[in-house]
Amino acid sequence: MNDEFSVYQFFKDDLGYECVGQHVSSEAAVRLFKRFTNSVAAQMGVVIRVIITDDGDFCNMEWKFGEGVTFPVMGKRSG
């Protein structure tokens, strides 16, 4: 793994998705994530989901319209 990330935004009503950043650093991925989750389209519900995936295609962060950041789960740790 090369520590590269991709950022995708998904649109409502099965309009598909768009890769808005590919093979970027973790810092750049988080900046893009924040940009697209705070966009007018996201606030209006045109964009319904934004994710960051790593080079192994694992989801590292997820935002959903009406819910906010759903992954990773924020809150109390057990243990």
N, C-alpha and C. Protein backbone atom coordinates (compact mmCIF):
# COMPACT_ATOMS: atom_id res chain seq x y z
N MET A 1 0.83 -1.18 0.00
CA MET A 1 0.00 0.00 0.00
C MET A 1 0.88 1.25 0.00
N ASN A 2 0.44 2.26 -0.73
CA ASN A 2 1.25 3.45 -0.91
C ASN A 2 0.75 4.66 -0.14
N ASP A 3 -0.20 4.49 0.78
CA ASP A 3 -0.76 5.61 1.53
C ASP A 3 -1.38 6.64 0.59
N GLU A 4 -2.12 6.14 -0.38
CA GLU A 4 -2.84 7.01 -1.31
C GLU A 4 -4.34 6.81 -1.09
N PHE A 5 -5.08 7.88 -1.25
CA PHE A 5 -6.51 7.86 -0.97
C PHE A 5 -7.30 8.44 -2.13
N SER A 6 -8.58 8.07 -2.19
CA SER A 6 -9.50 8.62 -3.18
C SER A 6 -10.74 9.12 -2.45
N VAL A 7 -11.38 10.13 -3.02
CA VAL A 7 -12.58 10.72 -2.44
C VAL A 7 -13.68 10.68 -3.49
N TYR A 8 -14.86 10.22 -3.07
CA TYR A 8 -16.01 10.09 -3.97
C TYR A 8 -17.21 10.80 -3.37
N GLN A 9 -18.03 11.39 -4.25
CA GLN A 9 -19.31 11.92 -3.83
C GLN A 9 -20.40 11.20 -4.61
N PHE A 10 -21.48 10.89 -3.91
CA PHE A 10 -22.61 10.16 -4.48
C PHE A 10 -23.82 11.08 -4.54
N PHE A 11 -24.57 10.97 -5.62
CA PHE A 11 -25.70 11.86 -5.85
C PHE A 11 -27.03 11.16 -5.59
N LYS A 12 -28.07 11.95 -5.26
CA LYS A 12 -29.40 11.39 -4.98
C LYS A 12 -30.03 10.84 -6.25
N ASP A 13 -31.09 10.06 -6.06
CA ASP A 13 -31.91 9.54 -7.16
C ASP A 13 -31.12 8.74 -8.18
N ASP A 14 -30.16 7.96 -7.71
CA ASP A 14 -29.38 7.09 -8.59
C ASP A 14 -28.70 7.84 -9.73
N LEU A 15 -28.28 9.08 -9.48
CA LEU A 15 -27.58 9.85 -10.50
C LEU A 15 -26.11 9.46 -10.60
N GLY A 16 -25.71 8.50 -9.78
CA GLY A 16 -24.35 8.00 -9.86
C GLY A 16 -23.43 8.63 -8.84
N TYR A 17 -22.16 8.59 -9.16
CA TYR A 17 -21.14 9.12 -8.27
C TYR A 17 -20.02 9.75 -9.09
N GLU A 18 -19.15 10.47 -8.39
CA GLU A 18 -18.03 11.14 -9.04
C GLU A 18 -16.80 11.01 -8.15
N CYS A 19 -15.69 10.64 -8.74
CA CYS A 19 -14.41 10.65 -8.03
C CYS A 19 -13.90 12.09 -8.07
N VAL A 20 -13.74 12.69 -6.89
CA VAL A 20 -13.31 14.09 -6.83
C VAL A 20 -11.85 14.23 -6.40
N GLY A 21 -11.22 13.11 -6.13
CA GLY A 21 -9.79 13.10 -5.80
C GLY A 21 -9.29 11.68 -5.87
N GLN A 22 -8.20 11.46 -6.59
CA GLN A 22 -7.69 10.10 -6.75
C GLN A 22 -6.19 10.11 -6.54
N HIS A 23 -5.70 9.11 -5.80
CA HIS A 23 -4.27 8.96 -5.51
C HIS A 23 -3.70 10.20 -4.82
N VAL A 24 -4.41 10.68 -3.79
CA VAL A 24 -3.97 11.86 -3.06
C VAL A 24 -3.50 11.46 -1.67
N SER A 25 -2.78 12.35 -1.01
CA SER A 25 -2.30 12.09 0.36
C SER A 25 -3.48 12.11 1.32
N SER A 26 -3.24 11.64 2.54
CA SER A 26 -4.30 11.64 3.55
C SER A 26 -4.75 13.06 3.87
N GLU A 27 -3.82 13.99 3.92
CA GLU A 27 -4.17 15.38 4.20
C GLU A 27 -5.05 15.97 3.10
N ALA A 28 -4.69 15.71 1.85
CA ALA A 28 -5.48 16.21 0.73
C ALA A 28 -6.85 15.56 0.70
N ALA A 29 -6.92 14.28 1.04
CA ALA A 29 -8.21 13.58 1.05
C ALA A 29 -9.15 14.19 2.09
N VAL A 30 -8.64 14.50 3.26
CA VAL A 30 -9.47 15.10 4.31
C VAL A 30 -9.92 16.51 3.89
N ARG A 31 -9.03 17.27 3.26
CA ARG A 31 -9.43 18.60 2.77
C ARG A 31 -10.55 18.48 1.75
N LEU A 32 -10.44 17.54 0.82
CA LEU A 32 -11.49 17.33 -0.18
C LEU A 32 -12.78 16.87 0.48
N PHE A 33 -12.67 15.96 1.43
CA PHE A 33 -13.83 15.46 2.16
C PHE A 33 -14.59 16.62 2.79
N LYS A 34 -13.88 17.48 3.49
CA LYS A 34 -14.51 18.64 4.13
C LYS A 34 -15.13 19.56 3.10
N ARG A 35 -14.43 19.79 2.00
CA ARG A 35 -14.94 20.68 0.94
C ARG A 35 -16.25 20.16 0.38
N PHE A 36 -16.32 18.87 0.08
CA PHE A 36 -17.51 18.33 -0.56
C PHE A 36 -18.64 18.04 0.41
N THR A 37 -18.35 17.83 1.69
CA THR A 37 -19.43 17.66 2.67
C THR A 37 -20.01 19.01 3.09
N ASN A 38 -19.28 20.08 2.88
CA ASN A 38 -19.76 21.42 3.21
C ASN A 38 -20.26 22.18 1.98
N SER A 39 -20.29 21.54 0.83
CA SER A 39 -20.72 22.20 -0.39
C SER A 39 -22.22 22.50 -0.36
N VAL A 40 -22.65 23.41 -1.21
CA VAL A 40 -24.07 23.73 -1.32
C VAL A 40 -24.86 22.48 -1.73
N ALA A 41 -24.31 21.71 -2.65
CA ALA A 41 -25.00 20.50 -3.12
C ALA A 41 -25.20 19.50 -1.98
N ALA A 42 -24.22 19.38 -1.10
CA ALA A 42 -24.35 18.47 0.05
C ALA A 42 -25.36 19.01 1.06
N GLN A 43 -25.35 20.30 1.29
CA GLN A 43 -26.28 20.89 2.25
C GLN A 43 -27.72 20.83 1.75
N MET A 44 -27.92 20.84 0.43
CA MET A 44 -29.26 20.77 -0.16
C MET A 44 -29.74 19.33 -0.35
N GLY A 45 -28.85 18.35 -0.24
CA GLY A 45 -29.24 16.96 -0.42
C GLY A 45 -29.08 16.44 -1.83
N VAL A 46 -28.44 17.21 -2.70
CA VAL A 46 -28.13 16.71 -4.04
C VAL A 46 -27.02 15.66 -3.93
N VAL A 47 -26.03 15.94 -3.09
CA VAL A 47 -25.00 14.97 -2.73
C VAL A 47 -25.49 14.29 -1.46
N ILE A 48 -25.57 12.97 -1.48
CA ILE A 48 -26.10 12.25 -0.31
C ILE A 48 -25.05 11.46 0.46
N ARG A 49 -23.85 11.35 -0.12
CA ARG A 49 -22.81 10.57 0.56
C ARG A 49 -21.45 11.00 0.02
N VAL A 50 -20.46 11.09 0.90
CA VAL A 50 -19.08 11.35 0.52
C VAL A 50 -18.22 10.36 1.30
N ILE A 51 -17.27 9.73 0.61
CA ILE A 51 -16.39 8.77 1.27
C ILE A 51 -14.94 9.00 0.89
N ILE A 52 -14.06 8.54 1.78
CA ILE A 52 -12.63 8.44 1.49
C ILE A 52 -12.31 6.95 1.49
N THR A 53 -11.63 6.49 0.44
CA THR A 53 -11.17 5.11 0.40
C THR A 53 -9.64 5.10 0.30
N ASP A 54 -9.04 4.03 0.81
CA ASP A 54 -7.59 3.91 0.70
C ASP A 54 -7.24 3.08 -0.53
N ASP A 55 -5.95 2.85 -0.74
CA ASP A 55 -5.53 2.14 -1.95
C ASP A 55 -5.88 0.66 -1.91
N GLY A 56 -6.41 0.17 -0.79
CA GLY A 56 -6.94 -1.18 -0.69
C GLY A 56 -8.44 -1.21 -0.89
N ASP A 57 -9.03 -0.06 -1.24
CA ASP A 57 -10.45 0.13 -1.48
C ASP A 57 -11.30 -0.05 -0.22
N PHE A 58 -10.70 0.23 0.94
CA PHE A 58 -11.43 0.21 2.20
C PHE A 58 -11.92 1.62 2.51
N CYS A 59 -13.12 1.72 3.02
CA CYS A 59 -13.69 3.01 3.41
C CYS A 59 -13.01 3.48 4.69
N ASN A 60 -12.47 4.69 4.67
CA ASN A 60 -11.79 5.26 5.83
C ASN A 60 -12.60 6.35 6.50
N MET A 61 -13.52 6.96 5.76
CA MET A 61 -14.37 8.00 6.31
C MET A 61 -15.62 8.09 5.45
N GLU A 62 -16.77 8.34 6.12
CA GLU A 62 -18.03 8.42 5.38
C GLU A 62 -18.90 9.52 5.98
N TRP A 63 -19.54 10.29 5.14
CA TRP A 63 -20.53 11.31 5.51
C TRP A 63 -21.80 11.00 4.74
N LYS A 64 -22.96 11.13 5.41
CA LYS A 64 -24.25 10.93 4.76
C LYS A 64 -25.14 12.14 5.02
N PHE A 65 -25.88 12.54 4.01
CA PHE A 65 -26.81 13.66 4.12
C PHE A 65 -27.81 13.39 5.25
N GLY A 66 -28.00 14.36 6.10
CA GLY A 66 -28.95 14.25 7.20
C GLY A 66 -28.40 13.53 8.42
N GLU A 67 -27.23 12.90 8.29
CA GLU A 67 -26.64 12.16 9.41
C GLU A 67 -25.28 12.71 9.83
N GLY A 68 -24.57 13.32 8.92
CA GLY A 68 -23.21 13.79 9.20
C GLY A 68 -22.21 12.67 9.00
N VAL A 69 -21.09 12.76 9.70
CA VAL A 69 -20.05 11.73 9.60
C VAL A 69 -20.55 10.47 10.30
N THR A 70 -20.64 9.38 9.54
CA THR A 70 -21.14 8.12 10.09
C THR A 70 -20.02 7.10 10.31
N PHE A 71 -18.87 7.34 9.72
CA PHE A 71 -17.71 6.46 9.92
C PHE A 71 -16.45 7.28 9.79
N PRO A 72 -15.53 7.18 10.68
CA PRO A 72 -15.57 6.33 11.87
C PRO A 72 -16.58 6.85 12.89
N VAL A 73 -17.05 5.96 13.71
CA VAL A 73 -18.04 6.31 14.72
C VAL A 73 -17.33 7.11 15.81
N MET A 74 -17.87 8.29 16.08
CA MET A 74 -17.31 9.15 17.12
C MET A 74 -18.07 8.89 18.43
N GLY A 75 -17.39 8.98 19.52
CA GLY A 75 -18.04 8.80 20.80
C GLY A 75 -17.15 8.11 21.79
N LYS A 76 -17.76 7.54 22.81
CA LYS A 76 -17.02 6.88 23.87
C LYS A 76 -16.34 5.62 23.38
N ARG A 77 -15.17 5.39 23.91
CA ARG A 77 -14.46 4.14 23.64
C ARG A 77 -14.74 3.16 24.76
N SER A 78 -14.86 1.91 24.41
CA SER A 78 -15.02 0.89 25.45
C SER A 78 -13.65 0.36 25.84
N GLY A 79 -13.56 -0.14 27.04
CA GLY A 79 -12.30 -0.76 27.42
C GLY A 79 -11.65 -0.25 28.62
